[in-house]
Amino acid sequence: MLTEFIFVRHGETDANRAGILQGSRDIPLNAVGIRQAEAVAEYLRDTDFDAVYSSPLSRAVKTAEILLAAGHDKLLLQKTPALQEWRCGELDGLTWEEINARFPKEAGSFCFEQIEVQMPGGESGFEFQKRVEDFLKHLRDEFPGKRILLVSHGGVLQRIFRFVAGVVAEGNIIPLAGNASVSSFVFNHKLNAWQLTSWNRLEHLKGLPQHVSRVL
């Protein structure tokens, strides 16, 4: 028996375009982000889901609402802080250039395996990783054999990658995924094991502007 998870990163925001770390700040989709959300909604129109969860931040909620409006309007959107982006405290709202200048130690944690980092005024890497993992385990046990849609943030998806695929080798960059990308993973109940099944699918955004995620 497999429990399947489809993960959609929210559409583009002006902060994405400007190279600003959003973190826990509530920044809405821009016009491109709405079009991206509509494109991913059409892409997933014929995919059945048993439950849908999103981050409570508006950029994720709006993306999820657009997805549900395209053939999934009978599902209840459940918003949970477990899927909120990394709470980075004093780093939230800064450009990547400002972060590198003022917080060089913390800056590397967005690209490299530095889970022990403590964000000033925010969460540690350990706390962030644990809340994402705990929530996935809860869903695994709550919906065995079902398909679940998750709409959230790039940082959350990196934590999922670490959980289901493993720790990235020292010196290598943690994978990033684009706005409105689709990734998937499963839990195999017979083997008691997680598996990453797809990553950063973007073919549905053909013809739309795509912001390339940049952190350092």
C-alpha atoms as a PDB file:
ATOM      1  CA  MET A   1       0.000   0.000   0.000  1.00  0.00           C
ATOM      2  CA  LEU A   2       1.249   3.472  -0.928  1.00  0.00           C
ATOM      3  CA  THR A   3       0.298   6.852   0.495  1.00  0.00           C
ATOM      4  CA  GLU A   4       1.031   9.481  -2.150  1.00  0.00           C
ATOM      5  CA  PHE A   5       1.877  13.132  -1.638  1.00  0.00           C
ATOM      6  CA  ILE A   6       1.737  15.778  -4.386  1.00  0.00           C
ATOM      7  CA  PHE A   7       3.564  18.958  -3.417  1.00  0.00           C
ATOM      8  CA  VAL A   8       2.978  22.298  -5.183  1.00  0.00           C
ATOM      9  CA  ARG A   9       5.161  25.285  -4.409  1.00  0.00           C
ATOM     10  CA  HIS A  10       3.218  28.555  -4.422  1.00  0.00           C
ATOM     11  CA  GLY A  11       3.277  30.859  -7.441  1.00  0.00           C
ATOM     12  CA  GLU A  12       5.578  33.821  -7.864  1.00  0.00           C
ATOM     13  CA  THR A  13       5.512  36.905  -5.630  1.00  0.00           C
ATOM     14  CA  ASP A  14       7.132  40.303  -6.060  1.00  0.00           C
ATOM     15  CA  ALA A  15       9.548  39.342  -3.282  1.00  0.00           C
ATOM     16  CA  ASN A  16      10.628  36.254  -5.252  1.00  0.00           C
ATOM     17  CA  ARG A  17      11.291  38.457  -8.240  1.00  0.00           C
ATOM     18  CA  ALA A  18      13.235  41.012  -6.162  1.00  0.00           C
ATOM     19  CA  GLY A  19      15.409  38.421  -4.396  1.00  0.00           C
ATOM     20  CA  ILE A  20      13.934  39.006  -0.940  1.00  0.00           C
ATOM     21  CA  LEU A  21      13.688  36.329   1.729  1.00  0.00           C
ATOM     22  CA  GLN A  22       9.986  36.123   2.587  1.00  0.00           C
ATOM     23  CA  GLY A  23      10.110  33.574   5.396  1.00  0.00           C
ATOM     24  CA  SER A  24       7.079  34.028   7.631  1.00  0.00           C
ATOM     25  CA  ARG A  25       6.075  37.360   6.056  1.00  0.00           C
ATOM     26  CA  ASP A  26       2.672  37.225   4.386  1.00  0.00           C
ATOM     27  CA  ILE A  27       3.333  38.363   0.818  1.00  0.00           C
ATOM     28  CA  PRO A  28       0.669  37.713  -1.860  1.00  0.00           C
ATOM     29  CA  LEU A  29       1.032  36.280  -5.339  1.00  0.00           C
ATOM     30  CA  ASN A  30       1.757  38.758  -8.106  1.00  0.00           C
ATOM     31  CA  ALA A  31       0.041  38.658 -11.508  1.00  0.00           C
ATOM     32  CA  VAL A  32       2.543  36.117 -12.850  1.00  0.00           C
ATOM     33  CA  GLY A  33       2.058  33.973  -9.749  1.00  0.00           C
ATOM     34  CA  ILE A  34      -1.683  33.849 -10.315  1.00  0.00           C
ATOM     35  CA  ARG A  35      -1.181  32.759 -13.920  1.00  0.00           C
ATOM     36  CA  GLN A  36       1.273  30.093 -12.750  1.00  0.00           C
ATOM     37  CA  ALA A  37      -1.240  28.831 -10.202  1.00  0.00           C
ATOM     38  CA  GLU A  38      -3.889  28.631 -12.925  1.00  0.00           C
ATOM     39  CA  ALA A  39      -1.486  26.637 -15.105  1.00  0.00           C
ATOM     40  CA  VAL A  40      -0.693  24.122 -12.367  1.00  0.00           C
ATOM     41  CA  ALA A  41      -4.419  23.879 -11.572  1.00  0.00           C
ATOM     42  CA  GLU A  42      -5.116  22.858 -15.151  1.00  0.00           C
ATOM     43  CA  TYR A  43      -2.199  20.410 -15.027  1.00  0.00           C
ATOM     44  CA  LEU A  44      -3.656  18.685 -11.959  1.00  0.00           C
ATOM     45  CA  ARG A  45      -7.325  19.007 -12.948  1.00  0.00           C
ATOM     46  CA  ASP A  46      -7.756  15.270 -13.597  1.00  0.00           C
ATOM     47  CA  THR A  47      -5.730  14.121 -10.581  1.00  0.00           C
ATOM     48  CA  ASP A  48      -7.907  12.935  -7.692  1.00  0.00           C
ATOM     49  CA  PHE A  49      -7.029  13.945  -4.138  1.00  0.00           C
ATOM     50  CA  ASP A  50      -8.368  12.741  -0.802  1.00  0.00           C
ATOM     51  CA  ALA A  51      -7.218  15.745   1.234  1.00  0.00           C
ATOM     52  CA  VAL A  52      -5.524  19.098   0.704  1.00  0.00           C
ATOM     53  CA  TYR A  53      -3.380  21.084   3.117  1.00  0.00           C
ATOM     54  CA  SER A  54      -1.631  24.413   2.703  1.00  0.00           C
ATOM     55  CA  SER A  55       0.536  26.837   4.577  1.00  0.00           C
ATOM     56  CA  PRO A  56      -1.567  29.617   6.152  1.00  0.00           C
ATOM     57  CA  LEU A  57       0.425  32.303   4.314  1.00  0.00           C
ATOM     58  CA  SER A  58      -1.612  33.951   1.568  1.00  0.00           C
ATOM     59  CA  ARG A  59       0.740  33.111  -1.303  1.00  0.00           C
ATOM     60  CA  ALA A  60       0.193  29.411  -0.596  1.00  0.00           C
ATOM     61  CA  VAL A  61      -3.507  29.743   0.270  1.00  0.00           C
ATOM     62  CA  LYS A  62      -4.288  31.584  -2.973  1.00  0.00           C
ATOM     63  CA  THR A  63      -2.388  28.984  -4.994  1.00  0.00           C
ATOM     64  CA  ALA A  64      -4.348  26.210  -3.253  1.00  0.00           C
ATOM     65  CA  GLU A  65      -7.680  27.969  -3.776  1.00  0.00           C
ATOM     66  CA  ILE A  66      -7.001  28.284  -7.503  1.00  0.00           C
ATOM     67  CA  LEU A  67      -6.092  24.593  -7.631  1.00  0.00           C
ATOM     68  CA  LEU A  68      -9.257  23.535  -5.847  1.00  0.00           C
ATOM     69  CA  ALA A  69     -11.443  25.701  -8.075  1.00  0.00           C
ATOM     70  CA  ALA A  70     -10.314  23.622 -11.075  1.00  0.00           C
ATOM     71  CA  GLY A  71     -12.265  20.442 -10.453  1.00  0.00           C
ATOM     72  CA  HIS A  72     -11.552  19.887  -6.755  1.00  0.00           C
ATOM     73  CA  ASP A  73     -14.058  22.251  -5.155  1.00  0.00           C
ATOM     74  CA  LYS A  74     -15.591  19.509  -2.986  1.00  0.00           C
ATOM     75  CA  LEU A  75     -12.400  19.244  -0.969  1.00  0.00           C
ATOM     76  CA  LEU A  76     -11.935  21.311   2.177  1.00  0.00           C
ATOM     77  CA  LEU A  77      -8.733  23.363   2.213  1.00  0.00           C
ATOM     78  CA  GLN A  78      -7.042  22.844   5.560  1.00  0.00           C
ATOM     79  CA  LYS A  79      -4.449  25.455   6.548  1.00  0.00           C
ATOM     80  CA  THR A  80      -1.736  24.422   8.948  1.00  0.00           C
ATOM     81  CA  PRO A  81       1.270  26.221  10.477  1.00  0.00           C
ATOM     82  CA  ALA A  82       3.174  22.941  10.051  1.00  0.00           C
ATOM     83  CA  LEU A  83       3.566  23.858   6.352  1.00  0.00           C
ATOM     84  CA  GLN A  84       4.545  27.489   6.922  1.00  0.00           C
ATOM     85  CA  GLU A  85       7.884  28.631   5.527  1.00  0.00           C
ATOM     86  CA  TRP A  86      10.981  28.702   7.737  1.00  0.00           C
ATOM     87  CA  ARG A  87      10.559  31.396  10.379  1.00  0.00           C
ATOM     88  CA  CYS A  88      13.818  33.242   9.915  1.00  0.00           C
ATOM     89  CA  GLY A  89      13.302  36.069  12.397  1.00  0.00           C
ATOM     90  CA  GLU A  90      15.635  38.989  11.702  1.00  0.00           C
ATOM     91  CA  LEU A  91      16.423  37.672   8.217  1.00  0.00           C
ATOM     92  CA  ASP A  92      12.819  37.858   6.991  1.00  0.00           C
ATOM     93  CA  GLY A  93      12.342  40.730   4.554  1.00  0.00           C
ATOM     94  CA  LEU A  94      16.027  41.152   3.695  1.00  0.00           C
ATOM     95  CA  THR A  95      17.557  40.745   0.248  1.00  0.00           C
ATOM     96  CA  TRP A  96      20.024  37.923  -0.273  1.00  0.00           C
ATOM     97  CA  GLU A  97      22.793  40.527  -0.565  1.00  0.00           C
ATOM     98  CA  GLU A  98      21.853  41.950   2.838  1.00  0.00           C
ATOM     99  CA  ILE A  99      21.684  38.479   4.375  1.00  0.00           C
ATOM    100  CA  ASN A 100      25.135  37.578   3.076  1.00  0.00           C
ATOM    101  CA  ALA A 101      26.565  40.818   4.442  1.00  0.00           C
ATOM    102  CA  ARG A 102      24.865  40.812   7.844  1.00  0.00           C
ATOM    103  CA  PHE A 103      24.314  37.101   8.542  1.00  0.00           C
ATOM    104  CA  PRO A 104      27.016  35.177   6.652  1.00  0.00           C
ATOM    105  CA  LYS A 105      26.854  32.175   9.004  1.00  0.00           C
ATOM    106  CA  GLU A 106      23.105  31.770   8.567  1.00  0.00           C
ATOM    107  CA  ALA A 107      23.190  32.494   4.810  1.00  0.00           C
ATOM    108  CA  GLY A 108      24.835  29.188   3.963  1.00  0.00           C
ATOM    109  CA  SER A 109      22.027  27.170   5.556  1.00  0.00           C
ATOM    110  CA  PHE A 110      19.716  27.916   2.613  1.00  0.00           C
ATOM    111  CA  CYS A 111      22.072  26.082   0.252  1.00  0.00           C
ATOM    112  CA  PHE A 112      24.110  23.652   2.319  1.00  0.00           C
ATOM    113  CA  GLU A 113      23.504  21.090   5.065  1.00  0.00           C
ATOM    114  CA  GLN A 114      23.695  23.289   8.165  1.00  0.00           C
ATOM    115  CA  ILE A 115      20.671  22.052  10.087  1.00  0.00           C
ATOM    116  CA  GLU A 116      22.147  23.131  13.425  1.00  0.00           C
ATOM    117  CA  VAL A 117      21.778  26.825  12.499  1.00  0.00           C
ATOM    118  CA  GLN A 118      19.664  29.056  14.757  1.00  0.00           C
ATOM    119  CA  MET A 119      17.916  31.933  13.005  1.00  0.00           C
ATOM    120  CA  PRO A 120      18.097  35.050  15.214  1.00  0.00           C
ATOM    121  CA  GLY A 121      14.574  35.666  16.446  1.00  0.00           C
ATOM    122  CA  GLY A 122      13.287  32.641  14.531  1.00  0.00           C
ATOM    123  CA  GLU A 123      13.457  28.851  14.293  1.00  0.00           C
ATOM    124  CA  SER A 124      16.496  26.638  14.318  1.00  0.00           C
ATOM    125  CA  GLY A 125      17.080  24.285  11.427  1.00  0.00           C
ATOM    126  CA  PHE A 126      16.317  21.395  13.771  1.00  0.00           C
ATOM    127  CA  GLU A 127      12.955  22.902  14.779  1.00  0.00           C
ATOM    128  CA  PHE A 128      11.997  23.537  11.157  1.00  0.00           C
ATOM    129  CA  GLN A 129      12.970  20.026  10.085  1.00  0.00           C
ATOM    130  CA  LYS A 130      11.108  18.423  12.981  1.00  0.00           C
ATOM    131  CA  ARG A 131       7.797  20.212  12.421  1.00  0.00           C
ATOM    132  CA  VAL A 132       7.775  19.246   8.743  1.00  0.00           C
ATOM    133  CA  GLU A 133       8.696  15.628   9.474  1.00  0.00           C
ATOM    134  CA  ASP A 134       6.178  15.305  12.300  1.00  0.00           C
ATOM    135  CA  PHE A 135       3.398  16.571  10.057  1.00  0.00           C
ATOM    136  CA  LEU A 136       4.254  14.149   7.245  1.00  0.00           C
ATOM    137  CA  LYS A 137       4.229  11.242   9.692  1.00  0.00           C
ATOM    138  CA  HIS A 138       0.835  12.394  10.958  1.00  0.00           C
ATOM    139  CA  LEU A 139      -0.591  12.486   7.421  1.00  0.00           C
ATOM    140  CA  ARG A 140       0.923   9.092   6.628  1.00  0.00           C
ATOM    141  CA  ASP A 141      -0.927   7.584   9.580  1.00  0.00           C
ATOM    142  CA  GLU A 142      -4.135   9.578   9.045  1.00  0.00           C
ATOM    143  CA  PHE A 143      -4.549   8.808   5.322  1.00  0.00           C
ATOM    144  CA  PRO A 144      -3.026   5.392   4.567  1.00  0.00           C
ATOM    145  CA  GLY A 145      -3.352   4.512   0.904  1.00  0.00           C
ATOM    146  CA  LYS A 146      -4.679   7.970  -0.037  1.00  0.00           C
ATOM    147  CA  ARG A 147      -3.365  10.838  -2.181  1.00  0.00           C
ATOM    148  CA  ILE A 148      -2.733  14.161  -0.440  1.00  0.00           C
ATOM    149  CA  LEU A 149      -2.111  17.565  -1.998  1.00  0.00           C
ATOM    150  CA  LEU A 150       0.270  19.890  -0.160  1.00  0.00           C
ATOM    151  CA  VAL A 151       0.671  23.556  -1.159  1.00  0.00           C
ATOM    152  CA  SER A 152       3.548  25.259   0.543  1.00  0.00           C
ATOM    153  CA  HIS A 153       6.996  26.841   0.191  1.00  0.00           C
ATOM    154  CA  GLY A 154      10.417  26.124  -1.237  1.00  0.00           C
ATOM    155  CA  GLY A 155      12.062  25.793   2.166  1.00  0.00           C
ATOM    156  CA  VAL A 156       9.468  23.265   3.295  1.00  0.00           C
ATOM    157  CA  LEU A 157      10.100  21.231   0.162  1.00  0.00           C
ATOM    158  CA  GLN A 158      13.835  21.224   0.923  1.00  0.00           C
ATOM    159  CA  ARG A 159      13.045  19.783   4.381  1.00  0.00           C
ATOM    160  CA  ILE A 160      10.902  17.115   2.731  1.00  0.00           C
ATOM    161  CA  PHE A 161      13.732  16.276   0.333  1.00  0.00           C
ATOM    162  CA  ARG A 162      16.072  15.791   3.292  1.00  0.00           C
ATOM    163  CA  PHE A 163      13.519  13.555   5.003  1.00  0.00           C
ATOM    164  CA  VAL A 164      12.556  11.300   2.100  1.00  0.00           C
ATOM    165  CA  ALA A 165      15.727  11.307  -0.044  1.00  0.00           C
ATOM    166  CA  GLY A 166      18.513  11.862   2.484  1.00  0.00           C
ATOM    167  CA  VAL A 167      21.143  14.370   3.514  1.00  0.00           C
ATOM    168  CA  VAL A 168      22.929  16.132   0.664  1.00  0.00           C
ATOM    169  CA  ALA A 169      26.670  15.433   0.607  1.00  0.00           C
ATOM    170  CA  GLU A 170      28.951  18.010   2.190  1.00  0.00           C
ATOM    171  CA  GLY A 171      29.753  20.846  -0.207  1.00  0.00           C
ATOM    172  CA  ASN A 172      26.849  20.089  -2.543  1.00  0.00           C
ATOM    173  CA  ILE A 173      23.827  22.374  -2.883  1.00  0.00           C
ATOM    174  CA  ILE A 174      20.437  21.356  -1.492  1.00  0.00           C
ATOM    175  CA  PRO A 175      18.004  21.057  -4.440  1.00  0.00           C
ATOM    176  CA  LEU A 176      15.743  24.033  -5.119  1.00  0.00           C
ATOM    177  CA  ALA A 177      12.341  23.981  -6.823  1.00  0.00           C
ATOM    178  CA  GLY A 178      10.688  26.728  -8.867  1.00  0.00           C
ATOM    179  CA  ASN A 179       7.484  28.638  -8.225  1.00  0.00           C
ATOM    180  CA  ALA A 180       4.376  26.575  -9.070  1.00  0.00           C
ATOM    181  CA  SER A 181       6.499  23.468  -9.504  1.00  0.00           C
ATOM    182  CA  VAL A 182       5.080  20.006  -8.795  1.00  0.00           C
ATOM    183  CA  SER A 183       6.988  17.344  -6.872  1.00  0.00           C
ATOM    184  CA  SER A 184       5.826  14.010  -5.463  1.00  0.00           C
ATOM    185  CA  PHE A 185       6.802  11.367  -2.950  1.00  0.00           C
ATOM    186  CA  VAL A 186       5.236   8.281  -1.432  1.00  0.00           C
ATOM    187  CA  PHE A 187       5.250   6.233   1.732  1.00  0.00           C
ATOM    188  CA  ASN A 188       5.402   2.487   1.148  1.00  0.00           C
ATOM    189  CA  HIS A 189       3.590   0.906   4.092  1.00  0.00           C
ATOM    190  CA  LYS A 190       4.782  -2.620   3.320  1.00  0.00           C
ATOM    191  CA  LEU A 191       8.425  -1.551   3.340  1.00  0.00           C
ATOM    192  CA  ASN A 192       7.915   1.163   5.978  1.00  0.00           C
ATOM    193  CA  ALA A 193       9.885   3.525   3.754  1.00  0.00           C
ATOM    194  CA  TRP A 194       9.642   6.892   2.000  1.00  0.00           C
ATOM    195  CA  GLN A 195      10.541   7.458  -1.656  1.00  0.00           C
ATOM    196  CA  LEU A 196      10.931  10.600  -3.761  1.00  0.00           C
ATOM    197  CA  THR A 197       9.106   9.974  -7.051  1.00  0.00           C
ATOM    198  CA  SER A 198       9.415  13.282  -8.930  1.00  0.00           C
ATOM    199  CA  TRP A 199      11.032  16.652  -8.419  1.00  0.00           C
ATOM    200  CA  ASN A 200      10.469  20.202  -9.677  1.00  0.00           C
ATOM    201  CA  ARG A 201       8.172  19.440 -12.620  1.00  0.00           C
ATOM    202  CA  LEU A 202       7.661  22.657 -14.589  1.00  0.00           C
ATOM    203  CA  GLU A 203       6.385  21.540 -17.999  1.00  0.00           C
ATOM    204  CA  HIS A 204       2.929  22.973 -17.270  1.00  0.00           C
ATOM    205  CA  LEU A 205       4.429  26.498 -17.082  1.00  0.00           C
ATOM    206  CA  LYS A 206       5.614  26.503 -20.697  1.00  0.00           C
ATOM    207  CA  GLY A 207       5.182  30.020 -22.110  1.00  0.00           C
ATOM    208  CA  LEU A 208       4.951  31.654 -18.681  1.00  0.00           C
ATOM    209  CA  PRO A 209       7.740  33.677 -17.056  1.00  0.00           C
ATOM    210  CA  GLN A 210       9.673  31.587 -14.548  1.00  0.00           C
ATOM    211  CA  HIS A 211      11.740  33.091 -11.778  1.00  0.00           C
ATOM    212  CA  VAL A 212      14.933  31.163 -11.096  1.00  0.00           C
ATOM    213  CA  SER A 213      15.321  30.703  -7.349  1.00  0.00           C
ATOM    214  CA  ARG A 214      18.522  32.278  -6.087  1.00  0.00           C
ATOM    215  CA  VAL A 215      19.786  32.372  -2.558  1.00  0.00           C
ATOM    216  CA  LEU A 216      23.517  33.076  -2.494  1.00  0.00           C
END
